[in-house]
Amino acid sequence: MATVNLEQLAGRNVLSHGKSIGRIEEIRAEPDGDDLVVTEYHVGIYAAFERLSASAIGIAVLDVFRLRSRDSVYRIPWDKLDISDPARPRLLCTTEELSGMKGSIEGDKPE
């Protein structure tokens, strides 16, 4: 199992076929004995507001400027992101495969 310093990943652009789909804004983990194991990565502009713990305010700001879009946030399972080069994390599936994982981030309101 690879060990990567989270500071190396936070804020990095995630690449899909050489193009950025957004920055890693939050990394979710669960306890596993004495360790924490990453379960998913949140990528995109809305995830940035979630990371800053300003979800309600963040949603309002994004709505005012009409920046909130389901296409601008991804929840990427741990096994769908190649972090062997932490400076250039790479998506291991298509963004279409992640479409079922868009939205549903805490604080989100149904459209």
N, C-alpha and C. Protein backbone atom coordinates (compact mmCIF):
# COMPACT_ATOMS: atom_id res chain seq x y z
N MET A 1 0.85 -1.17 0.00
CA MET A 1 0.00 0.00 0.00
C MET A 1 0.90 1.24 0.00
N ALA A 2 0.60 2.18 -0.89
CA ALA A 2 1.40 3.39 -0.99
C ALA A 2 1.02 4.39 0.09
N THR A 3 2.02 5.11 0.57
CA THR A 3 1.79 6.17 1.52
C THR A 3 2.16 7.48 0.85
N VAL A 4 1.21 8.42 0.85
CA VAL A 4 1.43 9.72 0.22
C VAL A 4 1.08 10.79 1.24
N ASN A 5 1.92 11.80 1.35
CA ASN A 5 1.65 12.92 2.24
C ASN A 5 0.49 13.73 1.65
N LEU A 6 -0.57 13.92 2.42
CA LEU A 6 -1.77 14.60 1.90
C LEU A 6 -1.48 16.02 1.43
N GLU A 7 -0.50 16.68 2.04
CA GLU A 7 -0.16 18.03 1.60
C GLU A 7 0.33 18.04 0.16
N GLN A 8 0.84 16.89 -0.31
CA GLN A 8 1.29 16.79 -1.69
C GLN A 8 0.11 16.74 -2.66
N LEU A 9 -1.06 16.33 -2.19
CA LEU A 9 -2.22 16.17 -3.06
C LEU A 9 -3.19 17.36 -3.02
N ALA A 10 -3.39 17.92 -1.85
CA ALA A 10 -4.38 18.99 -1.70
C ALA A 10 -4.07 20.15 -2.64
N GLY A 11 -5.07 20.55 -3.40
CA GLY A 11 -4.93 21.67 -4.32
C GLY A 11 -4.38 21.30 -5.69
N ARG A 12 -4.01 20.06 -5.89
CA ARG A 12 -3.47 19.63 -7.19
C ARG A 12 -4.58 19.45 -8.21
N ASN A 13 -4.28 19.80 -9.45
CA ASN A 13 -5.22 19.55 -10.55
C ASN A 13 -5.28 18.06 -10.83
N VAL A 14 -6.50 17.56 -11.04
CA VAL A 14 -6.69 16.17 -11.43
C VAL A 14 -6.80 16.15 -12.94
N LEU A 15 -6.00 15.30 -13.55
CA LEU A 15 -5.96 15.22 -15.01
C LEU A 15 -6.78 14.04 -15.52
N SER A 16 -7.51 14.31 -16.61
CA SER A 16 -8.24 13.27 -17.32
C SER A 16 -7.92 13.46 -18.79
N HIS A 17 -7.23 12.52 -19.36
CA HIS A 17 -6.80 12.60 -20.77
C HIS A 17 -6.02 13.89 -21.03
N GLY A 18 -5.17 14.26 -20.08
CA GLY A 18 -4.30 15.43 -20.23
C GLY A 18 -4.94 16.76 -19.89
N LYS A 19 -6.24 16.78 -19.58
CA LYS A 19 -6.94 18.03 -19.24
C LYS A 19 -7.37 18.01 -17.79
N SER A 20 -7.34 19.18 -17.17
CA SER A 20 -7.73 19.30 -15.76
C SER A 20 -9.24 19.26 -15.63
N ILE A 21 -9.73 18.47 -14.65
CA ILE A 21 -11.17 18.47 -14.35
C ILE A 21 -11.45 19.23 -13.07
N GLY A 22 -10.42 19.76 -12.44
CA GLY A 22 -10.56 20.53 -11.21
C GLY A 22 -9.46 20.18 -10.23
N ARG A 23 -9.44 20.91 -9.13
CA ARG A 23 -8.44 20.70 -8.08
C ARG A 23 -8.99 19.82 -6.97
N ILE A 24 -8.11 19.06 -6.34
CA ILE A 24 -8.49 18.29 -5.16
C ILE A 24 -8.69 19.29 -4.04
N GLU A 25 -9.92 19.39 -3.56
CA GLU A 25 -10.26 20.36 -2.52
C GLU A 25 -10.46 19.70 -1.17
N GLU A 26 -10.86 18.44 -1.18
CA GLU A 26 -11.07 17.73 0.09
C GLU A 26 -10.73 16.27 -0.10
N ILE A 27 -10.17 15.69 0.94
CA ILE A 27 -9.83 14.27 0.94
C ILE A 27 -10.54 13.64 2.12
N ARG A 28 -11.42 12.68 1.84
CA ARG A 28 -12.18 12.01 2.89
C ARG A 28 -11.48 10.71 3.28
N ALA A 29 -11.46 10.43 4.58
CA ALA A 29 -10.81 9.22 5.08
C ALA A 29 -11.63 8.64 6.23
N GLU A 30 -11.44 7.34 6.45
CA GLU A 30 -12.10 6.64 7.56
C GLU A 30 -11.04 5.92 8.38
N PRO A 31 -11.30 5.77 9.68
CA PRO A 31 -10.34 5.04 10.52
C PRO A 31 -10.28 3.56 10.13
N ASP A 32 -9.08 3.02 10.16
CA ASP A 32 -8.85 1.60 9.93
C ASP A 32 -7.79 1.18 10.94
N GLY A 33 -8.23 0.78 12.10
CA GLY A 33 -7.30 0.48 13.19
C GLY A 33 -6.64 1.78 13.64
N ASP A 34 -5.32 1.79 13.65
CA ASP A 34 -4.57 2.98 14.05
C ASP A 34 -4.34 3.94 12.88
N ASP A 35 -4.77 3.56 11.69
CA ASP A 35 -4.53 4.35 10.48
C ASP A 35 -5.80 5.03 10.00
N LEU A 36 -5.63 5.96 9.10
CA LEU A 36 -6.74 6.53 8.35
C LEU A 36 -6.55 6.10 6.90
N VAL A 37 -7.65 5.68 6.27
CA VAL A 37 -7.60 5.21 4.89
C VAL A 37 -8.49 6.12 4.05
N VAL A 38 -7.93 6.65 2.97
CA VAL A 38 -8.67 7.55 2.08
C VAL A 38 -9.80 6.77 1.42
N THR A 39 -11.00 7.38 1.43
CA THR A 39 -12.16 6.75 0.78
C THR A 39 -12.54 7.47 -0.51
N GLU A 40 -12.38 8.80 -0.54
CA GLU A 40 -12.71 9.54 -1.76
C GLU A 40 -12.07 10.92 -1.75
N TYR A 41 -12.00 11.48 -2.94
CA TYR A 41 -11.47 12.82 -3.16
C TYR A 41 -12.60 13.68 -3.70
N HIS A 42 -12.72 14.91 -3.21
CA HIS A 42 -13.71 15.85 -3.74
C HIS A 42 -12.96 16.87 -4.58
N VAL A 43 -13.41 17.00 -5.81
CA VAL A 43 -12.73 17.84 -6.80
C VAL A 43 -13.72 18.83 -7.39
N GLY A 44 -13.31 20.09 -7.51
CA GLY A 44 -14.12 21.10 -8.17
C GLY A 44 -14.40 22.30 -7.30
N ILE A 45 -15.01 23.32 -7.90
CA ILE A 45 -15.21 24.61 -7.24
C ILE A 45 -16.10 24.50 -6.00
N TYR A 46 -17.18 23.73 -6.07
CA TYR A 46 -18.06 23.60 -4.91
C TYR A 46 -17.36 22.88 -3.77
N ALA A 47 -16.53 21.92 -4.11
CA ALA A 47 -15.78 21.20 -3.08
C ALA A 47 -14.86 22.14 -2.31
N ALA A 48 -14.41 23.21 -2.95
CA ALA A 48 -13.55 24.19 -2.26
C ALA A 48 -14.33 24.86 -1.13
N PHE A 49 -15.59 25.19 -1.38
CA PHE A 49 -16.39 25.82 -0.33
C PHE A 49 -16.68 24.82 0.79
N GLU A 50 -16.88 23.57 0.44
CA GLU A 50 -17.10 22.55 1.45
C GLU A 50 -15.85 22.41 2.32
N ARG A 51 -14.68 22.41 1.68
CA ARG A 51 -13.42 22.26 2.40
C ARG A 51 -13.23 23.40 3.39
N LEU A 52 -13.68 24.58 3.03
CA LEU A 52 -13.54 25.74 3.90
C LEU A 52 -14.63 25.80 4.96
N SER A 53 -15.45 24.76 5.03
CA SER A 53 -16.54 24.66 6.00
C SER A 53 -17.50 25.84 5.91
N ALA A 54 -17.72 26.29 4.72
CA ALA A 54 -18.64 27.41 4.50
C ALA A 54 -19.70 26.98 3.50
N SER A 55 -20.20 25.77 3.64
CA SER A 55 -21.11 25.23 2.64
C SER A 55 -22.31 26.12 2.37
N ALA A 56 -23.02 26.54 3.41
CA ALA A 56 -24.22 27.35 3.19
C ALA A 56 -23.86 28.68 2.54
N ILE A 57 -22.82 29.31 3.03
CA ILE A 57 -22.36 30.57 2.45
C ILE A 57 -21.82 30.34 1.05
N GLY A 58 -21.04 29.27 0.90
CA GLY A 58 -20.47 28.94 -0.40
C GLY A 58 -21.53 28.70 -1.46
N ILE A 59 -22.58 27.96 -1.10
CA ILE A 59 -23.67 27.71 -2.04
C ILE A 59 -24.32 29.03 -2.44
N ALA A 60 -24.57 29.89 -1.46
CA ALA A 60 -25.20 31.18 -1.76
C ALA A 60 -24.33 32.01 -2.71
N VAL A 61 -23.03 32.05 -2.44
CA VAL A 61 -22.12 32.82 -3.30
C VAL A 61 -22.12 32.23 -4.71
N LEU A 62 -22.02 30.92 -4.82
CA LEU A 62 -22.01 30.30 -6.14
C LEU A 62 -23.32 30.55 -6.87
N ASP A 63 -24.44 30.50 -6.15
CA ASP A 63 -25.74 30.75 -6.78
C ASP A 63 -25.86 32.19 -7.25
N VAL A 64 -25.39 33.15 -6.45
CA VAL A 64 -25.46 34.56 -6.83
C VAL A 64 -24.71 34.80 -8.14
N PHE A 65 -23.55 34.19 -8.26
CA PHE A 65 -22.74 34.38 -9.46
C PHE A 65 -23.01 33.32 -10.54
N ARG A 66 -24.01 32.49 -10.29
CA ARG A 66 -24.40 31.42 -11.22
C ARG A 66 -23.24 30.53 -11.61
N LEU A 67 -22.43 30.21 -10.62
CA LEU A 67 -21.26 29.37 -10.85
C LEU A 67 -21.47 27.92 -10.45
N ARG A 68 -22.55 27.68 -9.70
CA ARG A 68 -22.76 26.31 -9.22
C ARG A 68 -23.30 25.45 -10.36
N SER A 69 -22.63 24.36 -10.56
CA SER A 69 -23.01 23.44 -11.62
C SER A 69 -22.65 22.03 -11.17
N ARG A 70 -23.49 21.09 -11.48
CA ARG A 70 -23.18 19.70 -11.15
C ARG A 70 -21.94 19.23 -11.90
N ASP A 71 -21.61 19.92 -13.00
CA ASP A 71 -20.45 19.53 -13.78
C ASP A 71 -19.15 20.02 -13.16
N SER A 72 -19.23 20.82 -12.10
CA SER A 72 -18.01 21.39 -11.53
C SER A 72 -17.62 20.74 -10.21
N VAL A 73 -18.22 19.61 -9.89
CA VAL A 73 -17.85 18.89 -8.67
C VAL A 73 -17.87 17.39 -8.94
N TYR A 74 -16.84 16.72 -8.46
CA TYR A 74 -16.76 15.28 -8.59
C TYR A 74 -16.39 14.67 -7.25
N ARG A 75 -17.00 13.54 -6.96
CA ARG A 75 -16.60 12.71 -5.83
C ARG A 75 -15.90 11.52 -6.44
N ILE A 76 -14.59 11.44 -6.25
CA ILE A 76 -13.80 10.40 -6.90
C ILE A 76 -13.41 9.35 -5.87
N PRO A 77 -13.86 8.11 -6.05
CA PRO A 77 -13.46 7.04 -5.13
C PRO A 77 -11.94 6.87 -5.13
N TRP A 78 -11.41 6.42 -4.03
CA TRP A 78 -9.96 6.30 -3.86
C TRP A 78 -9.32 5.49 -4.98
N ASP A 79 -10.02 4.46 -5.46
CA ASP A 79 -9.41 3.57 -6.44
C ASP A 79 -9.54 4.06 -7.88
N LYS A 80 -10.13 5.24 -8.07
CA LYS A 80 -10.28 5.80 -9.41
C LYS A 80 -9.31 6.95 -9.66
N LEU A 81 -8.37 7.15 -8.74
CA LEU A 81 -7.40 8.23 -8.88
C LEU A 81 -5.99 7.66 -8.72
N ASP A 82 -5.17 7.86 -9.74
CA ASP A 82 -3.77 7.42 -9.71
C ASP A 82 -2.95 8.52 -9.04
N ILE A 83 -2.42 8.23 -7.86
CA ILE A 83 -1.63 9.22 -7.13
C ILE A 83 -0.16 8.79 -7.03
N SER A 84 0.25 7.92 -7.95
CA SER A 84 1.64 7.47 -7.93
C SER A 84 2.61 8.64 -8.15
N ASP A 85 2.14 9.68 -8.86
CA ASP A 85 2.88 10.93 -8.98
C ASP A 85 2.00 12.00 -8.33
N PRO A 86 2.19 12.28 -7.02
CA PRO A 86 1.31 13.20 -6.31
C PRO A 86 1.22 14.60 -6.94
N ALA A 87 2.23 14.99 -7.69
CA ALA A 87 2.20 16.30 -8.34
C ALA A 87 1.26 16.31 -9.54
N ARG A 88 0.91 15.13 -10.06
CA ARG A 88 0.04 15.04 -11.23
C ARG A 88 -0.96 13.89 -11.07
N PRO A 89 -1.91 14.02 -10.12
CA PRO A 89 -2.90 12.96 -9.95
C PRO A 89 -3.71 12.79 -11.24
N ARG A 90 -4.02 11.54 -11.57
CA ARG A 90 -4.65 11.23 -12.85
C ARG A 90 -5.88 10.35 -12.63
N LEU A 91 -6.98 10.74 -13.27
CA LEU A 91 -8.22 9.99 -13.19
C LEU A 91 -8.07 8.68 -13.94
N LEU A 92 -8.51 7.58 -13.35
CA LEU A 92 -8.38 6.25 -13.95
C LEU A 92 -9.64 5.79 -14.67
N CYS A 93 -10.63 6.65 -14.75
CA CYS A 93 -11.86 6.34 -15.47
C CYS A 93 -12.28 7.60 -16.22
N THR A 94 -13.35 7.53 -16.94
CA THR A 94 -13.83 8.73 -17.63
C THR A 94 -14.67 9.58 -16.69
N THR A 95 -14.81 10.85 -17.03
CA THR A 95 -15.66 11.72 -16.21
C THR A 95 -17.11 11.27 -16.30
N GLU A 96 -17.48 10.64 -17.40
CA GLU A 96 -18.85 10.13 -17.54
C GLU A 96 -19.13 9.03 -16.52
N GLU A 97 -18.12 8.23 -16.23
CA GLU A 97 -18.28 7.18 -15.22
C GLU A 97 -18.48 7.77 -13.83
N LEU A 98 -18.01 8.99 -13.62
CA LEU A 98 -18.16 9.66 -12.33
C LEU A 98 -19.48 10.40 -12.24
N SER A 99 -20.23 10.51 -13.33
CA SER A 99 -21.44 11.34 -13.35
C SER A 99 -22.42 10.96 -12.25
N GLY A 100 -22.50 9.69 -11.88
CA GLY A 100 -23.39 9.27 -10.81
C GLY A 100 -22.89 9.70 -9.45
N MET A 101 -21.67 10.19 -9.39
CA MET A 101 -21.08 10.60 -8.13
C MET A 101 -21.07 12.11 -7.98
N LYS A 102 -21.59 12.84 -8.96
CA LYS A 102 -21.63 14.30 -8.85
C LYS A 102 -22.67 14.70 -7.82
N GLY A 103 -22.51 15.89 -7.29
CA GLY A 103 -23.47 16.37 -6.30
C GLY A 103 -23.41 15.54 -5.04
N SER A 104 -24.48 15.52 -4.31
CA SER A 104 -24.62 14.73 -3.08
C SER A 104 -23.53 15.02 -2.07
N ILE A 105 -22.93 16.19 -2.15
CA ILE A 105 -21.93 16.58 -1.17
C ILE A 105 -22.66 17.31 -0.06
N GLU A 106 -22.24 17.10 1.17
CA GLU A 106 -22.91 17.70 2.33
C GLU A 106 -23.20 19.18 2.10
N GLY A 107 -24.39 19.60 2.52
CA GLY A 107 -24.77 20.99 2.41
C GLY A 107 -25.43 21.32 1.09
N ASP A 108 -25.41 20.39 0.15
CA ASP A 108 -26.00 20.64 -1.15
C ASP A 108 -27.51 20.57 -1.02
N LYS A 109 -28.18 21.44 -1.76
CA LYS A 109 -29.63 21.39 -1.75
C LYS A 109 -30.10 20.81 -3.07
N PRO A 110 -31.17 20.04 -3.07
CA PRO A 110 -31.66 19.45 -4.32
C PRO A 110 -32.12 20.55 -5.26
N GLU A 111 -31.89 20.28 -6.56
CA GLU A 111 -32.34 21.26 -7.55
C GLU A 111 -33.73 20.97 -8.00
